[in-house]
Amino acid sequence: MSNFIRKSLALLTALSLASLISCSEKKESSSSVSELSVAEGEFVTDPSEPDLGAYTVNENGRKLYYDPEQYDASLVEALEDYFVTFSENDFDTYLSMAQSDYAEKMEAYLQKDFGYGMQTSFEKQCESLRSNAGGEFKVTRIKVEAPSEDGTEGYLKDLGEIFGDDTFYDTVVANTDKLHDVMFYIMAEANGEETLLISEFEIIFAEKDGKYYMFG
């Protein structure tokens, strides 16, 4: 079983991002960042942080680090929107971004095994992220890159085992235009300090009709 799958299953079992964060690098203060003038859609590399690679600044003022020849901007912004739901405690938007087959199965699984549903699970995730950030936080930077190997099929089949549904993977594939597996990093600001909130974690996107949906 891949490291990606082990961490993802630990997350599902704990029903909290606490396990995800414990597998990531601990909170760190960011180095001082030289503020470059960047037009929306323009990519630059900060000479004080060359290892982070090129980034662009979107209309929300967040720095997005990714290769535009490898990833569509809408995919990276979907990841941004997803994590903003945690910082803003926005369950309705979070639920709208969950892949429909996953949301249905996860709700039933949580109710059966834990006595609560996705909203309570979401609230636990928000609490874990706030704790790790050191308080209320806002997402400041997102970095996306390719994982060393694609774990999509194994991850979704393991989810099917958790749900007791050996057709889950096939159902998702049938209802999806394309699946994407990406590695990501999230930086956030809390109490005036920017920290590394999540590091080197993978997420699966289900692309359908030009929109992106999550499993988590």
N, C-alpha and C. Protein backbone atom coordinates (compact mmCIF):
# COMPACT_ATOMS: atom_id res chain seq x y z
N MET A 1 0.85 -1.19 0.00
CA MET A 1 0.00 0.00 0.00
C MET A 1 0.89 1.24 0.00
N SER A 2 0.59 2.20 -0.84
CA SER A 2 1.44 3.38 -0.96
C SER A 2 1.33 4.26 0.27
N ASN A 3 2.35 5.12 0.46
CA ASN A 3 2.33 6.07 1.56
C ASN A 3 1.13 7.00 1.45
N PHE A 4 0.78 7.38 0.21
CA PHE A 4 -0.39 8.23 -0.05
C PHE A 4 -1.65 7.57 0.50
N ILE A 5 -1.84 6.27 0.18
CA ILE A 5 -3.04 5.56 0.63
C ILE A 5 -3.06 5.43 2.15
N ARG A 6 -1.90 5.09 2.74
CA ARG A 6 -1.86 4.93 4.20
C ARG A 6 -2.26 6.23 4.90
N LYS A 7 -1.72 7.35 4.43
CA LYS A 7 -2.05 8.63 5.06
C LYS A 7 -3.52 8.98 4.84
N SER A 8 -4.03 8.69 3.65
CA SER A 8 -5.42 9.02 3.35
C SER A 8 -6.38 8.19 4.19
N LEU A 9 -6.07 6.90 4.37
CA LEU A 9 -6.93 6.06 5.19
C LEU A 9 -6.86 6.47 6.65
N ALA A 10 -5.68 6.90 7.10
CA ALA A 10 -5.57 7.40 8.47
C ALA A 10 -6.45 8.62 8.66
N LEU A 11 -6.50 9.46 7.64
CA LEU A 11 -7.34 10.66 7.69
C LEU A 11 -8.81 10.28 7.79
N LEU A 12 -9.23 9.32 6.97
CA LEU A 12 -10.62 8.91 6.98
C LEU A 12 -11.00 8.26 8.30
N THR A 13 -10.10 7.47 8.87
CA THR A 13 -10.38 6.80 10.14
C THR A 13 -10.50 7.80 11.27
N ALA A 14 -9.59 8.77 11.28
CA ALA A 14 -9.61 9.78 12.34
C ALA A 14 -10.71 10.81 12.14
N LEU A 15 -11.18 10.95 10.91
CA LEU A 15 -12.21 11.93 10.57
C LEU A 15 -11.81 13.33 10.98
N SER A 16 -10.53 13.62 10.75
CA SER A 16 -9.99 14.91 11.13
C SER A 16 -8.73 15.16 10.35
N LEU A 17 -8.44 16.41 10.05
CA LEU A 17 -7.19 16.72 9.39
C LEU A 17 -6.01 16.66 10.34
N ALA A 18 -6.25 16.35 11.60
CA ALA A 18 -5.14 16.27 12.54
C ALA A 18 -4.14 15.22 12.10
N SER A 19 -4.62 14.07 11.62
CA SER A 19 -3.70 13.02 11.19
C SER A 19 -2.94 13.44 9.96
N LEU A 20 -3.60 14.16 9.06
CA LEU A 20 -2.93 14.66 7.87
C LEU A 20 -1.80 15.59 8.26
N ILE A 21 -2.08 16.46 9.19
CA ILE A 21 -1.09 17.45 9.57
C ILE A 21 0.07 16.78 10.30
N SER A 22 -0.21 15.74 11.10
CA SER A 22 0.87 15.09 11.81
C SER A 22 1.81 14.38 10.87
N CYS A 23 1.34 14.03 9.66
CA CYS A 23 2.19 13.39 8.67
C CYS A 23 2.94 14.42 7.84
N SER A 24 2.57 15.67 7.99
CA SER A 24 3.21 16.74 7.24
C SER A 24 4.28 17.39 8.10
N GLU A 25 5.00 18.34 7.52
CA GLU A 25 5.95 19.08 8.30
C GLU A 25 5.22 19.93 9.33
N LYS A 26 5.82 20.09 10.48
CA LYS A 26 5.19 20.89 11.53
C LYS A 26 5.18 22.35 11.13
N LYS A 27 4.35 23.09 11.85
CA LYS A 27 4.18 24.50 11.56
C LYS A 27 5.53 25.22 11.58
N GLU A 28 5.76 26.02 10.58
CA GLU A 28 7.01 26.77 10.49
C GLU A 28 6.70 28.21 10.12
N SER A 29 7.49 29.11 10.64
CA SER A 29 7.38 30.49 10.21
C SER A 29 8.02 30.61 8.84
N SER A 30 7.39 31.34 7.95
CA SER A 30 7.97 31.53 6.64
C SER A 30 9.10 32.55 6.72
N SER A 31 10.02 32.44 5.78
CA SER A 31 11.06 33.45 5.70
C SER A 31 10.45 34.73 5.16
N SER A 32 11.14 35.84 5.35
CA SER A 32 10.62 37.08 4.82
C SER A 32 10.56 37.00 3.31
N VAL A 33 9.48 37.47 2.75
CA VAL A 33 9.26 37.36 1.32
C VAL A 33 9.36 38.74 0.69
N SER A 34 10.19 38.85 -0.31
CA SER A 34 10.26 40.13 -1.00
C SER A 34 9.03 40.28 -1.87
N GLU A 35 8.35 41.38 -1.75
CA GLU A 35 7.12 41.59 -2.48
C GLU A 35 7.42 42.05 -3.90
N LEU A 36 7.16 41.17 -4.85
CA LEU A 36 7.37 41.51 -6.25
C LEU A 36 6.08 42.02 -6.85
N SER A 37 6.19 42.86 -7.83
CA SER A 37 5.01 43.33 -8.55
C SER A 37 4.70 42.31 -9.63
N VAL A 38 3.55 41.63 -9.47
CA VAL A 38 3.19 40.55 -10.38
C VAL A 38 1.81 40.81 -10.95
N ALA A 39 1.71 40.87 -12.26
CA ALA A 39 0.41 41.03 -12.90
C ALA A 39 -0.31 39.69 -12.87
N GLU A 40 -1.65 39.72 -12.77
CA GLU A 40 -2.43 38.49 -12.75
C GLU A 40 -2.14 37.70 -14.03
N GLY A 41 -1.81 36.42 -13.85
CA GLY A 41 -1.49 35.57 -14.99
C GLY A 41 -0.02 35.53 -15.35
N GLU A 42 0.76 36.46 -14.78
CA GLU A 42 2.22 36.48 -15.01
C GLU A 42 2.89 35.58 -13.98
N PHE A 43 3.92 34.84 -14.40
CA PHE A 43 4.66 33.97 -13.50
C PHE A 43 6.05 34.54 -13.24
N VAL A 44 6.44 34.59 -11.97
CA VAL A 44 7.76 35.07 -11.59
C VAL A 44 8.33 34.13 -10.53
N THR A 45 9.63 34.21 -10.34
CA THR A 45 10.30 33.47 -9.27
C THR A 45 10.91 34.48 -8.32
N ASP A 46 10.60 34.35 -7.05
CA ASP A 46 11.15 35.25 -6.04
C ASP A 46 12.62 34.88 -5.82
N PRO A 47 13.56 35.79 -6.06
CA PRO A 47 14.98 35.47 -5.89
C PRO A 47 15.35 35.10 -4.46
N SER A 48 14.52 35.47 -3.49
CA SER A 48 14.80 35.11 -2.09
C SER A 48 14.29 33.71 -1.76
N GLU A 49 13.45 33.15 -2.66
CA GLU A 49 12.91 31.80 -2.45
C GLU A 49 12.92 31.03 -3.77
N PRO A 50 14.05 30.87 -4.39
CA PRO A 50 14.09 30.24 -5.71
C PRO A 50 13.64 28.79 -5.72
N ASP A 51 13.80 28.09 -4.59
CA ASP A 51 13.43 26.68 -4.55
C ASP A 51 11.93 26.46 -4.67
N LEU A 52 11.14 27.48 -4.37
CA LEU A 52 9.68 27.34 -4.48
C LEU A 52 9.21 27.35 -5.93
N GLY A 53 10.04 27.84 -6.83
CA GLY A 53 9.66 27.89 -8.23
C GLY A 53 8.83 29.11 -8.56
N ALA A 54 8.28 29.11 -9.77
CA ALA A 54 7.53 30.27 -10.26
C ALA A 54 6.11 30.28 -9.70
N TYR A 55 5.59 31.48 -9.50
CA TYR A 55 4.22 31.63 -9.01
C TYR A 55 3.54 32.77 -9.74
N THR A 56 2.22 32.78 -9.64
CA THR A 56 1.42 33.90 -10.10
C THR A 56 0.53 34.34 -8.95
N VAL A 57 0.03 35.55 -9.01
CA VAL A 57 -0.88 36.06 -7.99
C VAL A 57 -2.25 36.18 -8.63
N ASN A 58 -3.26 35.54 -8.02
CA ASN A 58 -4.59 35.59 -8.63
C ASN A 58 -5.39 36.78 -8.09
N GLU A 59 -6.63 36.86 -8.52
CA GLU A 59 -7.47 38.01 -8.17
C GLU A 59 -7.75 38.10 -6.67
N ASN A 60 -7.55 36.98 -5.94
CA ASN A 60 -7.76 36.99 -4.50
C ASN A 60 -6.51 37.36 -3.73
N GLY A 61 -5.43 37.65 -4.48
CA GLY A 61 -4.19 38.06 -3.84
C GLY A 61 -3.36 36.92 -3.30
N ARG A 62 -3.73 35.68 -3.63
CA ARG A 62 -2.97 34.53 -3.17
C ARG A 62 -1.92 34.13 -4.19
N LYS A 63 -0.79 33.65 -3.70
CA LYS A 63 0.29 33.18 -4.57
C LYS A 63 0.06 31.71 -4.90
N LEU A 64 0.02 31.42 -6.19
CA LEU A 64 -0.20 30.05 -6.65
C LEU A 64 1.04 29.58 -7.41
N TYR A 65 1.68 28.56 -6.89
CA TYR A 65 2.90 28.01 -7.47
C TYR A 65 2.54 26.74 -8.25
N TYR A 66 2.71 26.77 -9.56
CA TYR A 66 2.43 25.59 -10.38
C TYR A 66 2.97 25.81 -11.78
N ASP A 67 3.03 24.73 -12.55
CA ASP A 67 3.49 24.78 -13.93
C ASP A 67 2.26 24.91 -14.83
N PRO A 68 2.04 26.05 -15.47
CA PRO A 68 0.84 26.23 -16.29
C PRO A 68 0.80 25.32 -17.52
N GLU A 69 1.94 24.73 -17.87
CA GLU A 69 1.94 23.79 -18.98
C GLU A 69 1.51 22.40 -18.52
N GLN A 70 1.50 22.19 -17.21
CA GLN A 70 1.12 20.89 -16.65
C GLN A 70 -0.27 20.90 -16.04
N TYR A 71 -0.64 22.03 -15.44
CA TYR A 71 -1.93 22.12 -14.74
C TYR A 71 -2.71 23.34 -15.21
N ASP A 72 -4.01 23.14 -15.33
CA ASP A 72 -4.89 24.25 -15.67
C ASP A 72 -5.09 25.13 -14.43
N ALA A 73 -5.17 26.43 -14.65
CA ALA A 73 -5.36 27.35 -13.53
C ALA A 73 -6.62 27.03 -12.74
N SER A 74 -7.66 26.55 -13.42
CA SER A 74 -8.93 26.27 -12.73
C SER A 74 -8.79 25.13 -11.73
N LEU A 75 -7.88 24.18 -12.00
CA LEU A 75 -7.65 23.09 -11.04
C LEU A 75 -7.00 23.64 -9.77
N VAL A 76 -5.98 24.48 -9.93
CA VAL A 76 -5.29 25.04 -8.78
C VAL A 76 -6.25 25.93 -7.98
N GLU A 77 -7.07 26.69 -8.66
CA GLU A 77 -8.02 27.56 -7.97
C GLU A 77 -9.13 26.76 -7.29
N ALA A 78 -9.44 25.57 -7.81
CA ALA A 78 -10.40 24.70 -7.12
C ALA A 78 -9.82 24.24 -5.78
N LEU A 79 -8.53 23.92 -5.77
CA LEU A 79 -7.88 23.55 -4.51
C LEU A 79 -7.88 24.74 -3.55
N GLU A 80 -7.65 25.92 -4.08
CA GLU A 80 -7.72 27.14 -3.27
C GLU A 80 -9.11 27.28 -2.65
N ASP A 81 -10.15 27.18 -3.48
CA ASP A 81 -11.52 27.33 -2.98
C ASP A 81 -11.85 26.29 -1.91
N TYR A 82 -11.35 25.08 -2.12
CA TYR A 82 -11.59 23.99 -1.18
C TYR A 82 -11.03 24.33 0.20
N PHE A 83 -9.79 24.82 0.27
CA PHE A 83 -9.20 25.12 1.57
C PHE A 83 -9.73 26.41 2.16
N VAL A 84 -10.22 27.30 1.34
CA VAL A 84 -10.87 28.50 1.88
C VAL A 84 -12.13 28.12 2.64
N THR A 85 -12.81 27.04 2.23
CA THR A 85 -14.01 26.61 2.98
C THR A 85 -13.67 26.29 4.42
N PHE A 86 -12.47 25.74 4.67
CA PHE A 86 -12.06 25.44 6.05
C PHE A 86 -11.75 26.71 6.82
N SER A 87 -11.08 27.66 6.19
CA SER A 87 -10.74 28.90 6.89
C SER A 87 -11.98 29.74 7.16
N GLU A 88 -13.01 29.60 6.33
CA GLU A 88 -14.22 30.40 6.48
C GLU A 88 -15.39 29.60 7.06
N ASN A 89 -15.14 28.36 7.46
CA ASN A 89 -16.17 27.51 8.06
C ASN A 89 -17.42 27.44 7.17
N ASP A 90 -17.18 27.23 5.88
CA ASP A 90 -18.26 27.28 4.89
C ASP A 90 -18.62 25.86 4.45
N PHE A 91 -19.46 25.20 5.24
CA PHE A 91 -19.80 23.81 4.95
C PHE A 91 -20.58 23.66 3.65
N ASP A 92 -21.47 24.58 3.34
CA ASP A 92 -22.28 24.46 2.13
C ASP A 92 -21.40 24.42 0.88
N THR A 93 -20.40 25.31 0.82
CA THR A 93 -19.49 25.30 -0.33
C THR A 93 -18.63 24.04 -0.33
N TYR A 94 -18.17 23.65 0.85
CA TYR A 94 -17.38 22.41 0.97
C TYR A 94 -18.17 21.23 0.41
N LEU A 95 -19.43 21.11 0.82
CA LEU A 95 -20.24 19.99 0.36
C LEU A 95 -20.47 20.04 -1.14
N SER A 96 -20.63 21.25 -1.69
CA SER A 96 -20.85 21.39 -3.13
C SER A 96 -19.61 20.98 -3.93
N MET A 97 -18.44 20.98 -3.28
CA MET A 97 -17.21 20.61 -3.96
C MET A 97 -16.85 19.14 -3.76
N ALA A 98 -17.61 18.43 -2.95
CA ALA A 98 -17.36 17.00 -2.75
C ALA A 98 -17.92 16.21 -3.92
N GLN A 99 -17.16 15.23 -4.40
CA GLN A 99 -17.64 14.37 -5.48
C GLN A 99 -18.91 13.66 -5.00
N SER A 100 -19.95 13.63 -5.83
CA SER A 100 -21.28 13.22 -5.37
C SER A 100 -21.33 11.78 -4.85
N ASP A 101 -20.68 10.84 -5.53
CA ASP A 101 -20.69 9.45 -5.06
C ASP A 101 -19.97 9.33 -3.72
N TYR A 102 -18.87 10.06 -3.60
CA TYR A 102 -18.12 10.07 -2.34
C TYR A 102 -18.97 10.65 -1.21
N ALA A 103 -19.61 11.78 -1.46
CA ALA A 103 -20.39 12.44 -0.41
C ALA A 103 -21.51 11.54 0.09
N GLU A 104 -22.19 10.86 -0.82
CA GLU A 104 -23.28 9.97 -0.42
C GLU A 104 -22.77 8.82 0.43
N LYS A 105 -21.69 8.18 -0.01
CA LYS A 105 -21.14 7.03 0.71
C LYS A 105 -20.53 7.44 2.04
N MET A 106 -19.82 8.57 2.06
CA MET A 106 -19.19 9.01 3.30
C MET A 106 -20.22 9.40 4.35
N GLU A 107 -21.29 10.05 3.95
CA GLU A 107 -22.34 10.41 4.90
C GLU A 107 -22.91 9.15 5.56
N ALA A 108 -23.20 8.13 4.75
CA ALA A 108 -23.74 6.88 5.29
C ALA A 108 -22.73 6.19 6.21
N TYR A 109 -21.47 6.19 5.80
CA TYR A 109 -20.41 5.55 6.59
C TYR A 109 -20.27 6.24 7.95
N LEU A 110 -20.22 7.57 7.96
CA LEU A 110 -20.07 8.30 9.20
C LEU A 110 -21.26 8.09 10.13
N GLN A 111 -22.44 8.16 9.59
CA GLN A 111 -23.63 7.98 10.41
C GLN A 111 -23.67 6.59 11.03
N LYS A 112 -23.30 5.59 10.25
CA LYS A 112 -23.35 4.20 10.72
C LYS A 112 -22.28 3.92 11.77
N ASP A 113 -21.05 4.36 11.51
CA ASP A 113 -19.94 3.98 12.38
C ASP A 113 -19.64 4.99 13.49
N PHE A 114 -20.05 6.25 13.31
CA PHE A 114 -19.66 7.28 14.28
C PHE A 114 -20.84 8.07 14.84
N GLY A 115 -22.00 7.93 14.25
CA GLY A 115 -23.17 8.60 14.80
C GLY A 115 -23.28 10.06 14.44
N TYR A 116 -22.49 10.52 13.50
CA TYR A 116 -22.63 11.89 12.99
C TYR A 116 -22.26 11.90 11.52
N GLY A 117 -22.57 13.03 10.85
CA GLY A 117 -22.40 13.09 9.41
C GLY A 117 -21.27 13.98 8.96
N MET A 118 -21.30 14.35 7.69
CA MET A 118 -20.20 15.11 7.10
C MET A 118 -20.07 16.51 7.67
N GLN A 119 -21.16 17.10 8.12
CA GLN A 119 -21.04 18.46 8.66
C GLN A 119 -20.21 18.45 9.94
N THR A 120 -20.47 17.51 10.83
CA THR A 120 -19.67 17.42 12.05
C THR A 120 -18.22 17.08 11.73
N SER A 121 -18.00 16.18 10.77
CA SER A 121 -16.64 15.85 10.35
C SER A 121 -15.92 17.09 9.81
N PHE A 122 -16.64 17.87 9.02
CA PHE A 122 -16.07 19.12 8.48
C PHE A 122 -15.69 20.07 9.61
N GLU A 123 -16.55 20.19 10.60
CA GLU A 123 -16.26 21.09 11.72
C GLU A 123 -15.03 20.63 12.49
N LYS A 124 -14.84 19.31 12.60
CA LYS A 124 -13.65 18.79 13.26
C LYS A 124 -12.39 19.13 12.45
N GLN A 125 -12.50 19.05 11.13
CA GLN A 125 -11.37 19.40 10.28
C GLN A 125 -11.01 20.89 10.42
N CYS A 126 -12.03 21.73 10.44
CA CYS A 126 -11.80 23.17 10.63
C CYS A 126 -11.08 23.43 11.95
N GLU A 127 -11.52 22.76 12.99
CA GLU A 127 -10.93 22.93 14.31
C GLU A 127 -9.46 22.49 14.32
N SER A 128 -9.18 21.36 13.65
CA SER A 128 -7.81 20.86 13.61
C SER A 128 -6.88 21.82 12.87
N LEU A 129 -7.37 22.37 11.76
CA LEU A 129 -6.55 23.31 10.99
C LEU A 129 -6.32 24.60 11.77
N ARG A 130 -7.34 25.10 12.44
CA ARG A 130 -7.17 26.31 13.25
C ARG A 130 -6.14 26.07 14.36
N SER A 131 -6.21 24.89 14.98
CA SER A 131 -5.26 24.56 16.03
C SER A 131 -3.85 24.52 15.49
N ASN A 132 -3.66 23.92 14.33
CA ASN A 132 -2.33 23.81 13.75
C ASN A 132 -1.79 25.17 13.29
N ALA A 133 -2.70 26.03 12.82
CA ALA A 133 -2.29 27.36 12.35
C ALA A 133 -2.02 28.32 13.49
N GLY A 134 -2.59 28.02 14.66
CA GLY A 134 -2.43 28.91 15.80
C GLY A 134 -3.56 29.91 15.96
N GLY A 135 -4.70 29.62 15.32
CA GLY A 135 -5.86 30.50 15.43
C GLY A 135 -6.58 30.61 14.10
N GLU A 136 -7.51 31.55 14.02
CA GLU A 136 -8.20 31.78 12.75
C GLU A 136 -7.16 32.11 11.69
N PHE A 137 -7.33 31.56 10.51
CA PHE A 137 -6.30 31.70 9.49
C PHE A 137 -6.89 32.02 8.13
N LYS A 138 -6.02 32.51 7.25
CA LYS A 138 -6.40 32.69 5.87
C LYS A 138 -5.32 32.08 4.99
N VAL A 139 -5.73 31.45 3.91
CA VAL A 139 -4.80 30.82 2.99
C VAL A 139 -4.05 31.90 2.23
N THR A 140 -2.71 31.81 2.19
CA THR A 140 -1.90 32.82 1.51
C THR A 140 -1.19 32.28 0.27
N ARG A 141 -0.75 31.01 0.33
CA ARG A 141 -0.01 30.44 -0.79
C ARG A 141 -0.38 28.97 -0.99
N ILE A 142 -0.39 28.55 -2.25
CA ILE A 142 -0.66 27.16 -2.59
C ILE A 142 0.36 26.74 -3.64
N LYS A 143 0.97 25.59 -3.41
CA LYS A 143 1.89 25.02 -4.40
C LYS A 143 1.37 23.67 -4.84
N VAL A 144 1.34 23.43 -6.14
CA VAL A 144 0.87 22.17 -6.71
C VAL A 144 1.97 21.59 -7.59
N GLU A 145 2.20 20.28 -7.46
CA GLU A 145 3.17 19.61 -8.31
C GLU A 145 2.75 18.16 -8.50
N ALA A 146 3.41 17.48 -9.42
CA ALA A 146 3.07 16.09 -9.71
C ALA A 146 3.62 15.17 -8.62
N PRO A 147 2.84 14.18 -8.17
CA PRO A 147 3.36 13.19 -7.22
C PRO A 147 4.33 12.25 -7.92
N SER A 148 5.09 11.50 -7.14
CA SER A 148 6.07 10.59 -7.73
C SER A 148 5.39 9.45 -8.48
N GLU A 149 4.18 9.09 -8.05
CA GLU A 149 3.42 8.06 -8.75
C GLU A 149 1.94 8.36 -8.59
N ASP A 150 1.15 7.90 -9.54
CA ASP A 150 -0.30 8.15 -9.51
C ASP A 150 -0.98 7.11 -8.62
N GLY A 151 -1.60 7.58 -7.53
CA GLY A 151 -2.25 6.67 -6.61
C GLY A 151 -3.76 6.68 -6.70
N THR A 152 -4.29 7.20 -7.81
CA THR A 152 -5.74 7.40 -7.92
C THR A 152 -6.53 6.11 -7.78
N GLU A 153 -6.20 5.11 -8.58
CA GLU A 153 -7.00 3.89 -8.57
C GLU A 153 -6.96 3.20 -7.21
N GLY A 154 -5.76 3.07 -6.63
CA GLY A 154 -5.64 2.41 -5.34
C GLY A 154 -6.39 3.15 -4.25
N TYR A 155 -6.31 4.47 -4.27
CA TYR A 155 -7.00 5.28 -3.26
C TYR A 155 -8.51 5.09 -3.33
N LEU A 156 -9.05 5.16 -4.55
CA LEU A 156 -10.50 5.04 -4.69
C LEU A 156 -10.98 3.63 -4.39
N LYS A 157 -10.18 2.63 -4.71
CA LYS A 157 -10.57 1.26 -4.38
C LYS A 157 -10.50 1.02 -2.87
N ASP A 158 -9.54 1.65 -2.20
CA ASP A 158 -9.50 1.55 -0.74
C ASP A 158 -10.69 2.26 -0.11
N LEU A 159 -11.11 3.37 -0.69
CA LEU A 159 -12.33 4.02 -0.21
C LEU A 159 -13.52 3.09 -0.36
N GLY A 160 -13.58 2.41 -1.51
CA GLY A 160 -14.67 1.45 -1.72
C GLY A 160 -14.69 0.37 -0.65
N GLU A 161 -13.52 -0.08 -0.20
CA GLU A 161 -13.46 -1.09 0.87
C GLU A 161 -14.02 -0.52 2.17
N ILE A 162 -13.66 0.73 2.47
CA ILE A 162 -14.18 1.37 3.68
C ILE A 162 -15.70 1.48 3.62
N PHE A 163 -16.22 1.81 2.44
CA PHE A 163 -17.66 1.99 2.28
C PHE A 163 -18.39 0.66 2.11
N GLY A 164 -17.66 -0.43 1.97
CA GLY A 164 -18.30 -1.73 1.72
C GLY A 164 -18.92 -1.81 0.35
N ASP A 165 -18.30 -1.14 -0.63
CA ASP A 165 -18.85 -1.08 -1.99
C ASP A 165 -17.72 -1.34 -2.98
N ASP A 166 -17.66 -2.57 -3.50
CA ASP A 166 -16.57 -2.90 -4.42
C ASP A 166 -16.78 -2.35 -5.82
N THR A 167 -17.90 -1.64 -6.03
CA THR A 167 -18.14 -0.99 -7.33
C THR A 167 -17.84 0.50 -7.29
N PHE A 168 -17.37 1.01 -6.14
CA PHE A 168 -17.20 2.45 -5.97
C PHE A 168 -16.26 3.03 -7.02
N TYR A 169 -15.12 2.40 -7.22
CA TYR A 169 -14.15 2.92 -8.20
C TYR A 169 -14.77 3.01 -9.58
N ASP A 170 -15.43 1.93 -10.01
CA ASP A 170 -16.02 1.92 -11.35
C ASP A 170 -17.12 2.96 -11.48
N THR A 171 -17.88 3.17 -10.40
CA THR A 171 -18.96 4.17 -10.43
C THR A 171 -18.38 5.57 -10.58
N VAL A 172 -17.31 5.85 -9.84
CA VAL A 172 -16.67 7.16 -9.93
C VAL A 172 -16.13 7.39 -11.34
N VAL A 173 -15.45 6.41 -11.89
CA VAL A 173 -14.89 6.54 -13.24
C VAL A 173 -16.00 6.80 -14.25
N ALA A 174 -17.11 6.11 -14.11
CA ALA A 174 -18.22 6.26 -15.05
C ALA A 174 -18.85 7.65 -14.98
N ASN A 175 -18.76 8.28 -13.80
CA ASN A 175 -19.39 9.59 -13.60
C ASN A 175 -18.41 10.75 -13.69
N THR A 176 -17.21 10.49 -14.19
CA THR A 176 -16.14 11.49 -14.21
C THR A 176 -15.53 11.59 -15.60
N ASP A 177 -15.22 12.82 -16.03
CA ASP A 177 -14.54 13.01 -17.31
C ASP A 177 -13.06 12.66 -17.20
N LYS A 178 -12.44 13.03 -16.05
CA LYS A 178 -11.02 12.77 -15.86
C LYS A 178 -10.69 12.85 -14.38
N LEU A 179 -9.77 12.00 -13.94
CA LEU A 179 -9.29 12.04 -12.56
C LEU A 179 -7.87 12.61 -12.52
N HIS A 180 -7.58 13.43 -11.50
CA HIS A 180 -6.27 14.05 -11.36
C HIS A 180 -5.74 13.75 -9.96
N ASP A 181 -4.49 13.35 -9.88
CA ASP A 181 -3.80 13.15 -8.61
C ASP A 181 -2.68 14.18 -8.53
N VAL A 182 -2.71 15.05 -7.53
CA VAL A 182 -1.68 16.09 -7.40
C VAL A 182 -1.17 16.14 -5.97
N MET A 183 0.08 16.59 -5.83
CA MET A 183 0.66 16.85 -4.52
C MET A 183 0.55 18.35 -4.26
N PHE A 184 0.28 18.71 -3.01
CA PHE A 184 0.10 20.14 -2.73
C PHE A 184 0.70 20.53 -1.38
N TYR A 185 0.91 21.85 -1.26
CA TYR A 185 1.40 22.48 -0.04
C TYR A 185 0.50 23.70 0.20
N ILE A 186 0.18 23.96 1.45
CA ILE A 186 -0.65 25.11 1.80
C ILE A 186 0.07 25.96 2.84
N MET A 187 0.15 27.25 2.58
CA MET A 187 0.63 28.19 3.60
C MET A 187 -0.52 29.11 3.99
N ALA A 188 -0.53 29.47 5.26
CA ALA A 188 -1.62 30.30 5.77
C ALA A 188 -1.09 31.30 6.77
N GLU A 189 -1.86 32.34 6.98
CA GLU A 189 -1.49 33.39 7.94
C GLU A 189 -2.47 33.38 9.10
N ALA A 190 -1.93 33.39 10.30
CA ALA A 190 -2.73 33.50 11.52
C ALA A 190 -2.00 34.38 12.51
N ASN A 191 -2.69 35.30 13.12
CA ASN A 191 -2.09 36.21 14.10
C ASN A 191 -0.88 36.95 13.53
N GLY A 192 -0.98 37.32 12.25
CA GLY A 192 0.09 38.08 11.62
C GLY A 192 1.31 37.28 11.23
N GLU A 193 1.25 35.95 11.38
CA GLU A 193 2.40 35.10 11.06
C GLU A 193 2.01 34.09 9.99
N GLU A 194 2.85 33.96 8.97
CA GLU A 194 2.60 32.99 7.91
C GLU A 194 3.27 31.68 8.27
N THR A 195 2.52 30.57 8.14
CA THR A 195 3.03 29.25 8.51
C THR A 195 2.77 28.24 7.41
N LEU A 196 3.59 27.19 7.41
CA LEU A 196 3.36 26.07 6.51
C LEU A 196 2.32 25.18 7.16
N LEU A 197 1.12 25.15 6.61
CA LEU A 197 0.00 24.45 7.22
C LEU A 197 -0.05 22.98 6.82
N ILE A 198 0.16 22.70 5.53
CA ILE A 198 0.14 21.34 5.02
C ILE A 198 1.26 21.19 4.01
N SER A 199 1.99 20.08 4.10
CA SER A 199 3.14 19.88 3.23
C SER A 199 3.14 18.49 2.62
N GLU A 200 3.40 18.41 1.32
CA GLU A 200 3.59 17.15 0.60
C GLU A 200 2.45 16.17 0.82
N PHE A 201 1.23 16.64 0.62
CA PHE A 201 0.08 15.75 0.71
C PHE A 201 -0.60 15.69 -0.64
N GLU A 202 -1.23 14.55 -0.92
CA GLU A 202 -1.86 14.36 -2.22
C GLU A 202 -3.37 14.44 -2.11
N ILE A 203 -3.99 14.87 -3.20
CA ILE A 203 -5.44 14.97 -3.26
C ILE A 203 -5.89 14.52 -4.65
N ILE A 204 -7.07 13.91 -4.70
CA ILE A 204 -7.65 13.47 -5.96
C ILE A 204 -8.74 14.44 -6.38
N PHE A 205 -8.68 14.89 -7.61
CA PHE A 205 -9.74 15.70 -8.21
C PHE A 205 -10.51 14.83 -9.20
N ALA A 206 -11.82 14.96 -9.19
CA ALA A 206 -12.67 14.39 -10.24
C ALA A 206 -13.16 15.54 -11.10
N GLU A 207 -12.76 15.54 -12.36
CA GLU A 207 -13.17 16.61 -13.27
C GLU A 207 -14.43 16.18 -14.01
N LYS A 208 -15.44 17.02 -13.97
CA LYS A 208 -16.71 16.74 -14.64
C LYS A 208 -17.27 18.03 -15.21
N ASP A 209 -17.48 18.07 -16.51
CA ASP A 209 -18.05 19.25 -17.19
C ASP A 209 -17.28 20.53 -16.85
N GLY A 210 -15.95 20.41 -16.79
CA GLY A 210 -15.11 21.57 -16.56
C GLY A 210 -14.99 22.01 -15.11
N LYS A 211 -15.61 21.28 -14.20
CA LYS A 211 -15.52 21.59 -12.77
C LYS A 211 -14.77 20.49 -12.04
N TYR A 212 -14.22 20.82 -10.86
CA TYR A 212 -13.41 19.88 -10.11
C TYR A 212 -14.07 19.57 -8.75
N TYR A 213 -14.08 18.29 -8.42
CA TYR A 213 -14.69 17.84 -7.19
C TYR A 213 -13.68 17.01 -6.41
N MET A 214 -13.85 16.97 -5.06
CA MET A 214 -12.86 16.38 -4.16
C MET A 214 -13.37 15.11 -3.51
N PHE A 215 -12.40 14.34 -2.97
CA PHE A 215 -12.67 13.18 -2.14
C PHE A 215 -12.00 13.43 -0.80
N GLY A 216 -12.67 14.13 0.08
CA GLY A 216 -12.03 14.41 1.37
C GLY A 216 -12.77 15.49 2.14
